C-alpha atoms as a PDB file:
ATOM      1  CA  GLY A   1       0.000   0.000   0.000  1.00  0.00           C
ATOM      2  CA  GLY A   2       1.207   3.378  -0.993  1.00  0.00           C
ATOM      3  CA  SER A   3       0.781   6.507   1.001  1.00  0.00           C
ATOM      4  CA  HIS A   4       0.286  10.085  -0.138  1.00  0.00           C
ATOM      5  CA  LEU A   5       2.231  11.350   2.865  1.00  0.00           C
ATOM      6  CA  PHE A   6       5.772  12.567   2.193  1.00  0.00           C
ATOM      7  CA  SER A   7       8.612  10.855   4.012  1.00  0.00           C
ATOM      8  CA  TRP A   8      12.400  11.135   3.788  1.00  0.00           C
ATOM      9  CA  SER A   9      12.806   7.411   4.459  1.00  0.00           C
ATOM     10  CA  ILE A  10      13.168   5.172   1.404  1.00  0.00           C
ATOM     11  CA  THR A  11      11.648   2.263   3.319  1.00  0.00           C
ATOM     12  CA  ASP A  12       8.311   4.004   3.945  1.00  0.00           C
ATOM     13  CA  PRO A  13       5.476   3.233   1.517  1.00  0.00           C
ATOM     14  CA  GLY A  14       4.656   5.759  -1.154  1.00  0.00           C
ATOM     15  CA  TYR A  15       3.605   6.349  -4.743  1.00  0.00           C
ATOM     16  CA  THR A  16       5.761   7.293  -7.700  1.00  0.00           C
ATOM     17  CA  ILE A  17       4.622  10.208  -9.836  1.00  0.00           C
ATOM     18  CA  ALA A  18       3.881   7.900 -12.764  1.00  0.00           C
ATOM     19  CA  SER A  19       1.769   5.498 -10.688  1.00  0.00           C
ATOM     20  CA  ASN A  20      -0.070   8.411  -9.117  1.00  0.00           C
ATOM     21  CA  ILE A  21      -1.016   9.742 -12.558  1.00  0.00           C
ATOM     22  CA  ALA A  22      -2.025   6.306 -13.848  1.00  0.00           C
ATOM     23  CA  ASN A  23      -4.141   5.474 -10.788  1.00  0.00           C
ATOM     24  CA  GLU A  24      -5.911   8.792 -10.336  1.00  0.00           C
ATOM     25  CA  PHE A  25      -6.375  10.241 -13.831  1.00  0.00           C
ATOM     26  CA  PRO A  26      -9.363   8.078 -14.854  1.00  0.00           C
ATOM     27  CA  GLU A  27     -11.173   8.991 -11.627  1.00  0.00           C
ATOM     28  CA  ALA A  28     -10.075  12.629 -11.362  1.00  0.00           C
ATOM     29  CA  ALA A  29     -12.899  14.612  -9.776  1.00  0.00           C
ATOM     30  CA  GLY A  30     -12.995  18.053 -11.322  1.00  0.00           C
ATOM     31  CA  ASP A  31     -10.752  20.291 -13.331  1.00  0.00           C
ATOM     32  CA  LEU A  32      -8.395  21.143 -10.467  1.00  0.00           C
ATOM     33  CA  HIS A  33      -7.628  17.476  -9.766  1.00  0.00           C
ATOM     34  CA  ARG A  34      -7.066  16.732 -13.455  1.00  0.00           C
ATOM     35  CA  ALA A  35      -4.912  19.859 -13.874  1.00  0.00           C
ATOM     36  CA  SER A  36      -2.747  18.875 -10.905  1.00  0.00           C
ATOM     37  CA  LEU A  37      -2.171  15.421 -12.425  1.00  0.00           C
ATOM     38  CA  VAL A  38      -1.178  17.020 -15.734  1.00  0.00           C
ATOM     39  CA  GLU A  39       1.176  19.300 -13.785  1.00  0.00           C
ATOM     40  CA  LEU A  40       2.750  16.225 -12.174  1.00  0.00           C
ATOM     41  CA  GLY A  41       3.246  14.793 -15.663  1.00  0.00           C
ATOM     42  CA  LEU A  42       4.988  17.976 -16.793  1.00  0.00           C
ATOM     43  CA  ILE A  43       7.242  17.895 -13.732  1.00  0.00           C
ATOM     44  CA  LEU A  44       8.118  14.271 -14.474  1.00  0.00           C
ATOM     45  CA  PHE A  45       8.823  15.159 -18.116  1.00  0.00           C
ATOM     46  CA  ALA A  46      11.052  18.103 -17.128  1.00  0.00           C
ATOM     47  CA  ALA A  47      12.996  15.934 -14.660  1.00  0.00           C
ATOM     48  CA  THR A  48      13.495  13.284 -17.351  1.00  0.00           C
ATOM     49  CA  ILE A  49      14.801  15.859 -19.833  1.00  0.00           C
ATOM     50  CA  LEU A  50      17.114  17.339 -17.187  1.00  0.00           C
ATOM     51  CA  PHE A  51      18.583  13.945 -16.276  1.00  0.00           C
ATOM     52  CA  GLN A  52      19.013  13.119 -19.972  1.00  0.00           C
ATOM     53  CA  LEU A  53      20.905  16.374 -20.606  1.00  0.00           C
ATOM     54  CA  ILE A  54      23.147  15.784 -17.593  1.00  0.00           C
ATOM     55  CA  ALA A  55      23.892  12.244 -18.807  1.00  0.00           C
ATOM     56  CA  GLN A  56      24.722  13.506 -22.308  1.00  0.00           C
ATOM     57  CA  LEU A  57      27.117  16.136 -20.913  1.00  0.00           C
ATOM     58  CA  TRP A  58      28.758  13.524 -18.693  1.00  0.00           C
ATOM     59  CA  LEU A  59      29.192  11.132 -21.641  1.00  0.00           C
ATOM     60  CA  ARG A  60      30.711  13.922 -23.729  1.00  0.00           C
ATOM     61  CA  ARG A  61      33.294  14.575 -20.987  1.00  0.00           C
ATOM     62  CA  VAL A  62      34.088  10.858 -20.674  1.00  0.00           C
ATOM     63  CA  ARG A  63      34.546  10.542 -24.437  1.00  0.00           C
ATOM     64  CA  LYS A  64      36.979  13.473 -24.459  1.00  0.00           C
ATOM     65  CA  ARG A  65      39.047  11.872 -21.691  1.00  0.00           C
ATOM     66  CA  VAL A  66      39.099   8.446 -23.332  1.00  0.00           C
ATOM     67  CA  GLY A  67      39.771   9.917 -26.745  1.00  0.00           C
ATOM     68  CA  GLY A  68      37.148   8.000 -28.639  1.00  0.00           C
ATOM     69  CA  ARG A  69      33.608   6.832 -28.584  1.00  0.00           C
ATOM     70  CA  ALA A  70      32.830   5.384 -25.176  1.00  0.00           C
END
């Protein structure tokens, strides 16, 4: 069972953003609820793009050090 309460412990139950969107979107009650789920999706998308850019920059630095295509 997941919990909507925030906790700093990784052993406490909780929901991921993706599972929260998937579970609640079909039953979203009202425009505010649906808009907040879309906002969560945009936050997840932005985080994914940010991590991808960081990984690409890191790979570029590694390739320069190795002197080839790593």
